[in-house]
Every structure is written in structure tokens, then in C-alpha cells.
Amino acid sequence: MARPNGTEELYSIRLGIEAREAPVAALYSDLRLNPEQVPHGWHRYSIRETDGGSGEPATIERHVLVNHLMDILTTENLDSLIEKHDGCLNISDYDYDDSHCVSFPKSILSPRYFHD
């Protein structure tokens, strides 16, 4: 959610994926994030929702155009795991934690999709 003071709050989410046991801890925004503004030590990925607009996360991918649900930031580099699984990681479980958020500069939002 965009804040008037020029920051964007990203909230916690845990994503269980079929490719491994440990869940992915991440911060999410339902807006697209600017890949050029990702802070050092973080990695940006997109979440595709299931067909039909249910709002259920289906896969983690490098970039999603159709059925984009949210973008995430995580300290885990999932690139090789995504590549190994044909470009996406199937999500088996997820848990939102809206009580925990981290503020980032508003520039974290993609200028292509975000307008004041």
C-alpha cells in the first residue's frame, strides 16, 4: 500500500513450494516492483495466480505478465531453482502475515505500472 510520505509498505508472506521442504519467506506487494530499485541482498520475483481470478497464488516466476497476482522480495536467490523447474516454482501452500511490514522508498514500485 502506497503511503503519502513517499514510502511503500511490503508485508510478510511465507510460500511453500513443491521443489523443496523449507518455505520461502518474503515481502509482497500487489503492485509490480521496479527490478532496477531492488535493494542489495534482495531478489524480486513475480507470483502468478491460478486461472479464473481466484486470487490464489500458483507459481513463483522471474516475471509474470498474464495473471499477475503480486511481486515479492526475498533474501533467497531462487533463480537456479526456477530455471531447474522449467521457469516456475509451483506453490503448494501460503500464509500472509499482514501484522509485519517493512517500508521501502516509493521508487521500489515500477514506474511503468504505478502512477501518483
C-alpha atoms as a PDB file:
ATOM      1  CA  MET A   1       0.000   0.000   0.000  1.00  0.00           C
ATOM      2  CA  ALA A   2       1.395   3.379  -1.007  1.00  0.00           C
ATOM      3  CA  ARG A   3       1.871   5.863   1.811  1.00  0.00           C
ATOM      4  CA  PRO A   4       1.693   9.667   1.475  1.00  0.00           C
ATOM      5  CA  ASN A   5       5.172  10.103   2.983  1.00  0.00           C
ATOM      6  CA  GLY A   6       6.794   8.570  -0.090  1.00  0.00           C
ATOM      7  CA  THR A   7       7.162   5.019   1.163  1.00  0.00           C
ATOM      8  CA  GLU A   8       5.637   1.714   0.187  1.00  0.00           C
ATOM      9  CA  GLU A   9       4.904  -0.944   2.809  1.00  0.00           C
ATOM     10  CA  LEU A  10       5.549  -4.556   1.866  1.00  0.00           C
ATOM     11  CA  TYR A  11       4.013  -7.245   4.064  1.00  0.00           C
ATOM     12  CA  SER A  12       5.242 -10.715   5.040  1.00  0.00           C
ATOM     13  CA  ILE A  13       4.242 -13.902   3.285  1.00  0.00           C
ATOM     14  CA  ARG A  14       5.517 -17.482   3.532  1.00  0.00           C
ATOM     15  CA  LEU A  15       5.273 -19.574   0.389  1.00  0.00           C
ATOM     16  CA  GLY A  16       5.534 -23.340   0.434  1.00  0.00           C
ATOM     17  CA  ILE A  17       6.872 -24.681  -2.851  1.00  0.00           C
ATOM     18  CA  GLU A  18       6.800 -28.205  -4.215  1.00  0.00           C
ATOM     19  CA  ALA A  19      10.500 -28.120  -5.188  1.00  0.00           C
ATOM     20  CA  ARG A  20      11.792 -28.116  -1.597  1.00  0.00           C
ATOM     21  CA  GLU A  21      10.773 -28.548   2.050  1.00  0.00           C
ATOM     22  CA  ALA A  22      11.576 -25.131   3.520  1.00  0.00           C
ATOM     23  CA  PRO A  23       9.109 -22.331   2.754  1.00  0.00           C
ATOM     24  CA  VAL A  24      10.215 -19.104   1.095  1.00  0.00           C
ATOM     25  CA  ALA A  25       9.986 -16.122   3.456  1.00  0.00           C
ATOM     26  CA  ALA A  26       9.254 -12.954   1.503  1.00  0.00           C
ATOM     27  CA  LEU A  27       7.728  -9.494   1.477  1.00  0.00           C
ATOM     28  CA  TYR A  28       4.932  -8.854  -1.008  1.00  0.00           C
ATOM     29  CA  SER A  29       3.189  -6.057  -2.847  1.00  0.00           C
ATOM     30  CA  ASP A  30       0.162  -6.488  -5.067  1.00  0.00           C
ATOM     31  CA  LEU A  31       1.752  -3.785  -7.247  1.00  0.00           C
ATOM     32  CA  ARG A  32       4.631  -4.508  -9.610  1.00  0.00           C
ATOM     33  CA  LEU A  33       8.077  -3.760  -8.204  1.00  0.00           C
ATOM     34  CA  ASN A  34      10.817  -1.989 -10.139  1.00  0.00           C
ATOM     35  CA  PRO A  35      13.638  -4.508 -10.744  1.00  0.00           C
ATOM     36  CA  GLU A  36      16.140  -1.636 -11.005  1.00  0.00           C
ATOM     37  CA  GLN A  37      15.295  -0.467  -7.463  1.00  0.00           C
ATOM     38  CA  VAL A  38      15.615  -3.774  -5.614  1.00  0.00           C
ATOM     39  CA  PRO A  39      17.861  -3.209  -2.587  1.00  0.00           C
ATOM     40  CA  HIS A  40      21.208  -5.014  -2.372  1.00  0.00           C
ATOM     41  CA  GLY A  41      20.812  -8.501  -0.921  1.00  0.00           C
ATOM     42  CA  TRP A  42      17.189  -8.863  -2.073  1.00  0.00           C
ATOM     43  CA  HIS A  43      15.710 -10.674  -5.092  1.00  0.00           C
ATOM     44  CA  ARG A  44      12.447  -9.798  -6.871  1.00  0.00           C
ATOM     45  CA  TYR A  45      10.068 -12.412  -8.260  1.00  0.00           C
ATOM     46  CA  SER A  46       6.504 -12.398  -9.529  1.00  0.00           C
ATOM     47  CA  ILE A  47       3.623 -14.573  -8.399  1.00  0.00           C
ATOM     48  CA  ARG A  48       1.112 -15.862 -10.943  1.00  0.00           C
ATOM     49  CA  GLU A  49      -2.389 -16.541  -9.680  1.00  0.00           C
ATOM     50  CA  THR A  50      -4.455 -19.556 -10.664  1.00  0.00           C
ATOM     51  CA  ASP A  51      -6.639 -19.289 -13.758  1.00  0.00           C
ATOM     52  CA  GLY A  52     -10.064 -17.832 -13.145  1.00  0.00           C
ATOM     53  CA  GLY A  53      -9.027 -14.882 -10.985  1.00  0.00           C
ATOM     54  CA  SER A  54      -9.416 -16.684  -7.653  1.00  0.00           C
ATOM     55  CA  GLY A  55      -6.591 -14.721  -6.033  1.00  0.00           C
ATOM     56  CA  GLU A  56      -4.792 -17.947  -5.114  1.00  0.00           C
ATOM     57  CA  PRO A  57      -1.017 -17.904  -5.719  1.00  0.00           C
ATOM     58  CA  ALA A  58       0.005 -20.621  -8.182  1.00  0.00           C
ATOM     59  CA  THR A  59       3.656 -20.150  -9.198  1.00  0.00           C
ATOM     60  CA  ILE A  60       6.794 -18.120  -8.470  1.00  0.00           C
ATOM     61  CA  GLU A  61       8.461 -16.845 -11.653  1.00  0.00           C
ATOM     62  CA  ARG A  62      11.087 -14.306 -12.707  1.00  0.00           C
ATOM     63  CA  HIS A  63       8.421 -12.163 -14.409  1.00  0.00           C
ATOM     64  CA  VAL A  64       4.671 -12.564 -14.964  1.00  0.00           C
ATOM     65  CA  LEU A  65       2.572 -10.672 -17.495  1.00  0.00           C
ATOM     66  CA  VAL A  66      -0.718 -12.603 -17.520  1.00  0.00           C
ATOM     67  CA  ASN A  67      -2.467 -13.490 -14.236  1.00  0.00           C
ATOM     68  CA  HIS A  68      -0.025 -11.376 -12.191  1.00  0.00           C
ATOM     69  CA  LEU A  69      -1.048 -11.561  -8.528  1.00  0.00           C
ATOM     70  CA  MET A  70       1.862  -9.879  -6.734  1.00  0.00           C
ATOM     71  CA  ASP A  71       5.597  -9.281  -6.689  1.00  0.00           C
ATOM     72  CA  ILE A  72       7.772 -10.477  -3.835  1.00  0.00           C
ATOM     73  CA  LEU A  73      11.152  -9.580  -2.398  1.00  0.00           C
ATOM     74  CA  THR A  74      13.174 -12.289  -0.701  1.00  0.00           C
ATOM     75  CA  THR A  75      16.741 -12.611   0.504  1.00  0.00           C
ATOM     76  CA  GLU A  76      16.850 -16.040  -1.137  1.00  0.00           C
ATOM     77  CA  ASN A  77      18.166 -16.352  -4.681  1.00  0.00           C
ATOM     78  CA  LEU A  78      15.682 -18.700  -6.367  1.00  0.00           C
ATOM     79  CA  ASP A  79      16.987 -18.223  -9.925  1.00  0.00           C
ATOM     80  CA  SER A  80      18.699 -21.618 -10.326  1.00  0.00           C
ATOM     81  CA  LEU A  81      15.767 -23.454  -8.721  1.00  0.00           C
ATOM     82  CA  ILE A  82      13.315 -21.673 -11.051  1.00  0.00           C
ATOM     83  CA  GLU A  83      15.496 -22.481 -14.066  1.00  0.00           C
ATOM     84  CA  LYS A  84      15.774 -26.128 -12.989  1.00  0.00           C
ATOM     85  CA  HIS A  85      11.943 -26.375 -12.847  1.00  0.00           C
ATOM     86  CA  ASP A  86      11.179 -25.029 -16.341  1.00  0.00           C
ATOM     87  CA  GLY A  87      10.821 -21.373 -15.375  1.00  0.00           C
ATOM     88  CA  CYS A  88       8.438 -21.593 -12.431  1.00  0.00           C
ATOM     89  CA  LEU A  89       8.037 -22.998  -8.937  1.00  0.00           C
ATOM     90  CA  ASN A  90       4.645 -24.433  -8.026  1.00  0.00           C
ATOM     91  CA  ILE A  91       3.244 -23.023  -4.794  1.00  0.00           C
ATOM     92  CA  SER A  92       1.780 -25.684  -2.506  1.00  0.00           C
ATOM     93  CA  ASP A  93       0.898 -23.509   0.491  1.00  0.00           C
ATOM     94  CA  TYR A  94       0.986 -19.876   1.593  1.00  0.00           C
ATOM     95  CA  ASP A  95       0.465 -17.791   4.705  1.00  0.00           C
ATOM     96  CA  TYR A  96       0.058 -13.998   4.841  1.00  0.00           C
ATOM     97  CA  ASP A  97       1.266 -12.039   7.878  1.00  0.00           C
ATOM     98  CA  ASP A  98      -0.083  -8.511   7.490  1.00  0.00           C
ATOM     99  CA  SER A  99       0.994  -7.661  11.052  1.00  0.00           C
ATOM    100  CA  HIS A 100       4.632  -7.447   9.901  1.00  0.00           C
ATOM    101  CA  CYS A 101       5.661  -4.950   7.234  1.00  0.00           C
ATOM    102  CA  VAL A 102       8.802  -3.227   6.001  1.00  0.00           C
ATOM    103  CA  SER A 103       8.841   0.254   4.453  1.00  0.00           C
ATOM    104  CA  PHE A 104      10.750   0.905   1.238  1.00  0.00           C
ATOM    105  CA  PRO A 105      11.133   4.117  -0.782  1.00  0.00           C
ATOM    106  CA  LYS A 106       8.252   4.608  -3.205  1.00  0.00           C
ATOM    107  CA  SER A 107      10.776   4.175  -6.048  1.00  0.00           C
ATOM    108  CA  ILE A 108      10.542   0.413  -5.369  1.00  0.00           C
ATOM    109  CA  LEU A 109       7.297   0.493  -7.393  1.00  0.00           C
ATOM    110  CA  SER A 110       7.588   0.038 -11.137  1.00  0.00           C
ATOM    111  CA  PRO A 111       7.087   3.397 -12.896  1.00  0.00           C
ATOM    112  CA  ARG A 112       5.566   1.503 -15.810  1.00  0.00           C
ATOM    113  CA  TYR A 113       2.565   0.433 -13.733  1.00  0.00           C
ATOM    114  CA  PHE A 114       2.417   2.983 -10.922  1.00  0.00           C
ATOM    115  CA  HIS A 115       1.005   6.489 -11.155  1.00  0.00           C
ATOM    116  CA  ASP A 116       0.607   9.088  -8.379  1.00  0.00           C
END
